[in-house]
Amino acid sequence: MVNHMDTHQVAASDAAVHSAAVHSARDIAVRALTFTDLIDCLKLGLEDFKAKPSHIFVLGLLYPMGAALAAGYALGRDLLPLAFPVAAGLALLGPFAAIVLYEISRRRELGQSFSWGDIGDVFKRASNWSVGILMIALVAVFGVWLVVAQAIFDATLGVGGYIEPAAFIGQVLTTPQGWTLIILGNAAGFIFAAGVLATNVVSFPMLLDRDVGAAAAVATSLRVAAKSPVTIALWGLIIAGSMAAGAAVFLVGLGVVVPVLGHATWHLYRKAVAQ
């Protein structure tokens, strides 16, 4: 059970965590990760989720996307070709979007309570130039991904005007141009996802936990990925597979998958970066 701490104790604990500034990633020791570590992180993430269910918060972020796509379809807008790139690309923003989940795990680890009224405090605590820089970088990557995805679509199918979903899916799955779209799209998506994973696997949890700069946080993430390339690649596959499974039951499944992965990422940071 999570113990409730006095307000002064909470403030003192937070101050202690952020007291020592780290000026270089070389000052931070990283550990090798194993498959067993990933399983343990997922178990701990599930425990955090069960202790503090956050599906309503996550669905509150995801439902506007679904509503926008549904409205576009109802109005006859040709949004279908971008539906998959948008859904897949949102995972690129995941490291920043999960910052509230990291804070829940951090507080549970310290024996502190968390209420949904504390969300504003989370962003105030994490609101510094480093978090802002990485957030802007992720948004930029997301935008470039959409441009690339649209370019691949135009170069392969290039369907003009509105098209019914059944006809669009048929063209994607049954024509050479459609299979070219699938291959090129997935290849490009892999490159974007691998880059974001390597540079952000522990960067945002570290910025929430320590007084470090954006460069040091990203450099540490790259060192973690270089220290355990196979394990981090497997972690990326677990994320992709879990997101796909959650999307299979639409937003309801993602409402469980996303928070569990967010909490698990915090514990991955704890295992990967020496305290």
Protein backbone atom coordinates (compact mmCIF):
# COMPACT_ATOMS: atom_id res chain seq x y z
CA MET A 1 0.00 0.00 0.00
CA VAL A 2 1.24 3.52 -0.79
CA ASN A 3 2.02 5.48 2.38
CA HIS A 4 0.94 9.12 2.63
CA MET A 5 3.77 11.51 3.47
CA ASP A 6 3.66 14.93 5.08
CA THR A 7 3.70 17.79 2.57
CA HIS A 8 7.08 18.99 3.84
CA GLN A 9 8.50 15.47 3.47
CA VAL A 10 7.27 15.26 -0.11
CA ALA A 11 8.82 18.63 -0.95
CA ALA A 12 12.08 17.66 0.74
CA SER A 13 12.17 14.36 -1.13
CA ASP A 14 11.58 16.09 -4.47
CA ALA A 15 14.24 18.66 -3.71
CA ALA A 16 16.72 15.94 -2.87
CA VAL A 17 16.06 14.19 -6.15
CA HIS A 18 16.70 17.38 -8.12
CA SER A 19 19.45 18.83 -5.97
CA ALA A 20 22.47 17.52 -7.85
CA ALA A 21 22.76 18.79 -11.40
CA VAL A 22 24.38 16.50 -13.94
CA HIS A 23 26.37 18.43 -16.52
CA SER A 24 27.52 15.56 -18.72
CA ALA A 25 26.09 12.20 -19.73
CA ARG A 26 29.49 10.72 -18.89
CA ASP A 27 28.71 11.42 -15.22
CA ILE A 28 25.81 8.94 -15.45
CA ALA A 29 26.41 5.20 -15.26
CA VAL A 30 24.18 2.91 -17.34
CA ARG A 31 23.58 -0.79 -16.89
CA ALA A 32 23.05 -3.61 -19.38
CA LEU A 33 19.46 -4.80 -19.64
CA THR A 34 18.17 -8.33 -20.11
CA PHE A 35 14.92 -9.91 -21.28
CA THR A 36 14.14 -10.70 -17.64
CA ASP A 37 14.37 -6.98 -16.88
CA LEU A 38 11.75 -6.24 -19.53
CA ILE A 39 9.35 -8.81 -18.07
CA ASP A 40 9.92 -7.39 -14.59
CA CYS A 41 9.26 -3.86 -15.87
CA LEU A 42 5.99 -4.93 -17.45
CA LYS A 43 4.90 -6.61 -14.20
CA LEU A 44 5.75 -3.49 -12.21
CA GLY A 45 3.95 -1.34 -14.79
CA LEU A 46 0.83 -3.47 -14.43
CA GLU A 47 1.02 -3.15 -10.65
CA ASP A 48 1.22 0.64 -10.95
CA PHE A 49 -1.75 0.67 -13.29
CA LYS A 50 -3.84 -1.49 -10.97
CA ALA A 51 -2.91 0.71 -8.00
CA LYS A 52 -3.76 3.92 -9.87
CA PRO A 53 -5.90 3.18 -12.95
CA SER A 54 -5.27 5.84 -15.57
CA HIS A 55 -7.36 4.57 -18.47
CA ILE A 56 -9.73 7.56 -18.25
CA PHE A 57 -6.79 9.97 -18.57
CA VAL A 58 -5.34 8.06 -21.53
CA LEU A 59 -8.69 7.68 -23.29
CA GLY A 60 -9.22 11.40 -22.81
CA LEU A 61 -6.14 11.92 -24.98
CA LEU A 62 -7.07 9.31 -27.58
CA TYR A 63 -10.80 9.84 -28.11
CA PRO A 64 -10.40 13.26 -29.82
CA MET A 65 -8.32 11.52 -32.49
CA GLY A 66 -11.01 8.93 -33.10
CA ALA A 67 -13.71 11.59 -33.10
CA ALA A 68 -11.78 13.68 -35.64
CA LEU A 69 -11.38 10.72 -37.99
CA ALA A 70 -15.06 9.79 -37.61
CA ALA A 71 -16.13 13.38 -38.30
CA GLY A 72 -13.91 13.53 -41.36
CA TYR A 73 -15.46 10.34 -42.68
CA ALA A 74 -18.97 11.63 -42.03
CA LEU A 75 -18.18 14.84 -43.91
CA GLY A 76 -16.73 12.93 -46.84
CA ARG A 77 -13.16 14.08 -46.26
CA ASP A 78 -10.37 11.90 -47.57
CA LEU A 79 -8.71 11.25 -44.21
CA LEU A 80 -8.53 7.48 -44.56
CA PRO A 81 -5.05 7.32 -46.16
CA LEU A 82 -3.62 9.19 -43.17
CA ALA A 83 -5.53 7.26 -40.51
CA PHE A 84 -2.84 4.61 -40.07
CA PRO A 85 0.13 7.03 -40.24
CA VAL A 86 -1.55 9.27 -37.64
CA ALA A 87 -2.31 6.34 -35.32
CA ALA A 88 1.17 4.87 -35.74
CA GLY A 89 2.83 8.26 -35.49
CA LEU A 90 1.17 9.05 -32.17
CA ALA A 91 3.50 6.46 -30.65
CA LEU A 92 6.32 8.87 -31.55
CA LEU A 93 4.81 11.35 -29.09
CA GLY A 94 4.42 8.68 -26.42
CA PRO A 95 7.59 9.48 -24.45
CA PHE A 96 6.28 12.97 -23.68
CA ALA A 97 2.58 12.08 -23.37
CA ALA A 98 3.42 9.47 -20.70
CA ILE A 99 5.11 11.98 -18.37
CA VAL A 100 2.12 11.88 -15.98
CA LEU A 101 2.41 8.08 -15.84
CA TYR A 102 6.12 8.36 -15.02
CA GLU A 103 5.25 10.69 -12.16
CA ILE A 104 2.68 8.26 -10.75
CA SER A 105 5.28 5.50 -10.74
CA ARG A 106 7.90 7.83 -9.27
CA ARG A 107 5.62 8.81 -6.41
CA ARG A 108 4.56 5.25 -5.68
CA GLU A 109 8.22 4.31 -5.55
CA LEU A 110 8.80 7.03 -2.92
CA GLY A 111 5.68 6.11 -0.96
CA GLN A 112 3.87 9.29 -2.00
CA SER A 113 0.24 9.66 -3.00
CA PHE A 114 -1.04 10.99 -6.32
CA SER A 115 -4.42 12.44 -7.21
CA TRP A 116 -5.60 13.59 -10.61
CA GLY A 117 -5.68 17.10 -9.25
CA ASP A 118 -1.88 16.90 -9.15
CA ILE A 119 -1.51 16.78 -12.94
CA GLY A 120 -0.82 20.50 -13.08
CA ASP A 121 1.93 20.09 -10.50
CA VAL A 122 3.50 17.35 -12.61
CA PHE A 123 3.92 19.64 -15.60
CA LYS A 124 5.05 22.51 -13.37
CA ARG A 125 7.68 20.23 -11.86
CA ALA A 126 8.79 19.00 -15.28
CA SER A 127 8.35 22.31 -17.09
CA ASN A 128 11.86 23.36 -17.99
CA TRP A 129 13.65 24.12 -21.21
CA SER A 130 14.91 20.55 -21.55
CA VAL A 131 11.43 19.01 -21.50
CA GLY A 132 10.20 21.69 -23.89
CA ILE A 133 13.05 21.12 -26.32
CA LEU A 134 12.47 17.36 -26.46
CA MET A 135 8.70 17.84 -26.77
CA ILE A 136 9.17 20.19 -29.73
CA ALA A 137 11.61 17.74 -31.29
CA LEU A 138 9.06 14.91 -31.03
CA VAL A 139 6.31 17.05 -32.53
CA ALA A 140 8.65 17.94 -35.39
CA VAL A 141 9.47 14.26 -35.97
CA PHE A 142 5.75 13.48 -35.96
CA GLY A 143 5.15 16.18 -38.57
CA VAL A 144 7.99 14.94 -40.80
CA TRP A 145 6.62 11.40 -40.50
CA LEU A 146 3.21 12.53 -41.77
CA VAL A 147 4.83 14.33 -44.71
CA VAL A 148 6.85 11.21 -45.58
CA ALA A 149 3.79 8.96 -45.21
CA GLN A 150 1.75 11.22 -47.51
CA ALA A 151 4.59 11.28 -50.06
CA ILE A 152 4.78 7.47 -50.07
CA PHE A 153 1.02 7.26 -50.54
CA ASP A 154 1.04 9.76 -53.39
CA ALA A 155 3.91 7.91 -55.10
CA THR A 156 2.20 4.52 -54.89
CA LEU A 157 -1.59 4.63 -54.86
CA GLY A 158 -2.13 8.37 -55.24
CA VAL A 159 -5.89 7.91 -55.12
CA GLY A 160 -7.56 11.20 -55.97
CA GLY A 161 -10.60 12.44 -54.05
CA TYR A 162 -12.74 10.59 -51.53
CA ILE A 163 -12.70 6.79 -51.56
CA GLU A 164 -14.86 4.32 -49.67
CA PRO A 165 -13.01 2.42 -46.91
CA ALA A 166 -13.68 -0.99 -48.47
CA ALA A 167 -12.35 0.13 -51.85
CA PHE A 168 -9.30 1.74 -50.25
CA ILE A 169 -8.44 -1.38 -48.23
CA GLY A 170 -8.93 -3.48 -51.34
CA GLN A 171 -6.44 -1.36 -53.29
CA VAL A 172 -3.91 -1.53 -50.47
CA LEU A 173 -4.10 -5.31 -50.06
CA THR A 174 -4.69 -6.55 -53.60
CA THR A 175 -2.59 -4.37 -55.91
CA PRO A 176 1.18 -4.16 -56.48
CA GLN A 177 1.02 -0.46 -55.69
CA GLY A 178 -0.72 -1.23 -52.41
CA TRP A 179 1.94 -3.73 -51.36
CA THR A 180 4.64 -1.24 -52.31
CA LEU A 181 2.87 1.26 -50.05
CA ILE A 182 2.86 -1.26 -47.19
CA ILE A 183 6.55 -2.14 -47.59
CA LEU A 184 7.81 1.43 -48.00
CA GLY A 185 5.52 2.77 -45.29
CA ASN A 186 6.58 0.17 -42.75
CA ALA A 187 10.26 0.62 -43.62
CA ALA A 188 10.02 4.39 -43.14
CA GLY A 189 7.99 3.92 -39.96
CA PHE A 190 10.63 1.56 -38.59
CA ILE A 191 13.37 4.16 -39.15
CA PHE A 192 11.37 6.88 -37.38
CA ALA A 193 10.38 4.59 -34.50
CA ALA A 194 13.94 3.28 -34.03
CA GLY A 195 15.31 6.82 -33.88
CA VAL A 196 12.74 7.98 -31.33
CA LEU A 197 13.21 4.84 -29.23
CA ALA A 198 16.99 5.16 -29.11
CA THR A 199 16.94 8.86 -28.22
CA ASN A 200 14.01 8.79 -25.79
CA VAL A 201 13.94 5.37 -24.12
CA VAL A 202 14.93 6.97 -20.79
CA SER A 203 15.21 10.70 -21.58
CA PHE A 204 11.83 11.94 -20.32
CA PRO A 205 11.84 9.85 -17.12
CA MET A 206 15.34 11.18 -16.46
CA LEU A 207 14.26 14.80 -16.97
CA LEU A 208 11.43 14.23 -14.50
CA ASP A 209 13.72 12.56 -11.99
CA ARG A 210 17.00 14.50 -12.23
CA ASP A 211 18.37 17.94 -12.85
CA VAL A 212 19.85 17.23 -16.27
CA GLY A 213 19.84 18.97 -19.64
CA ALA A 214 18.18 17.70 -22.80
CA ALA A 215 21.53 16.81 -24.36
CA ALA A 216 22.60 14.73 -21.36
CA ALA A 217 19.23 12.94 -21.24
CA VAL A 218 19.30 12.07 -24.95
CA ALA A 219 22.96 11.02 -24.77
CA THR A 220 22.13 8.73 -21.84
CA SER A 221 19.27 7.17 -23.82
CA LEU A 222 21.66 6.52 -26.71
CA ARG A 223 24.15 4.94 -24.31
CA VAL A 224 21.43 2.71 -22.85
CA ALA A 225 20.46 1.61 -26.38
CA ALA A 226 24.12 1.01 -27.30
CA LYS A 227 24.73 -0.92 -24.06
CA SER A 228 21.81 -3.30 -24.68
CA PRO A 229 20.88 -3.05 -28.39
CA VAL A 230 19.09 -6.39 -28.62
CA THR A 231 17.11 -5.83 -25.43
CA ILE A 232 16.08 -2.30 -26.44
CA ALA A 233 15.11 -3.55 -29.91
CA LEU A 234 12.99 -6.21 -28.21
CA TRP A 235 11.45 -3.51 -26.02
CA GLY A 236 10.51 -1.62 -29.17
CA LEU A 237 8.86 -4.74 -30.58
CA ILE A 238 6.95 -5.25 -27.33
CA ILE A 239 5.70 -1.66 -27.53
CA ALA A 240 4.67 -2.02 -31.19
CA GLY A 241 3.01 -5.40 -30.64
CA SER A 242 1.17 -4.22 -27.53
CA MET A 243 -0.05 -1.07 -29.27
CA ALA A 244 -1.27 -3.13 -32.23
CA ALA A 245 -3.09 -5.53 -29.89
CA GLY A 246 -4.64 -2.62 -28.03
CA ALA A 247 -5.71 -0.96 -31.27
CA ALA A 248 -7.37 -4.22 -32.35
CA VAL A 249 -10.08 -3.49 -29.79
CA PHE A 250 -9.83 0.21 -30.64
CA LEU A 251 -9.46 2.80 -27.89
CA VAL A 252 -10.63 0.58 -25.03
CA GLY A 253 -7.60 -1.68 -25.41
CA LEU A 254 -5.23 1.26 -25.74
CA GLY A 255 -6.66 2.63 -22.51
CA VAL A 256 -4.96 -0.26 -20.72
CA VAL A 257 -1.93 -0.89 -22.95
CA VAL A 258 -0.68 2.72 -23.04
CA PRO A 259 -0.60 3.31 -19.26
CA VAL A 260 0.98 -0.08 -18.52
CA LEU A 261 3.73 0.64 -21.06
CA GLY A 262 4.18 4.14 -19.65
CA HIS A 263 4.64 2.86 -16.11
CA ALA A 264 6.89 0.06 -17.36
CA THR A 265 9.11 2.64 -19.10
CA TRP A 266 9.69 4.37 -15.77
CA HIS A 267 10.87 1.08 -14.26
CA LEU A 268 13.03 0.44 -17.32
CA TYR A 269 14.71 3.78 -16.66
CA ARG A 270 15.31 2.79 -13.05
CA LYS A 271 16.94 -0.47 -14.11
CA ALA A 272 19.00 1.05 -16.91
CA VAL A 273 20.38 4.17 -15.19
CA ALA A 274 22.36 3.86 -11.97
CA GLN A 275 20.99 5.95 -9.10
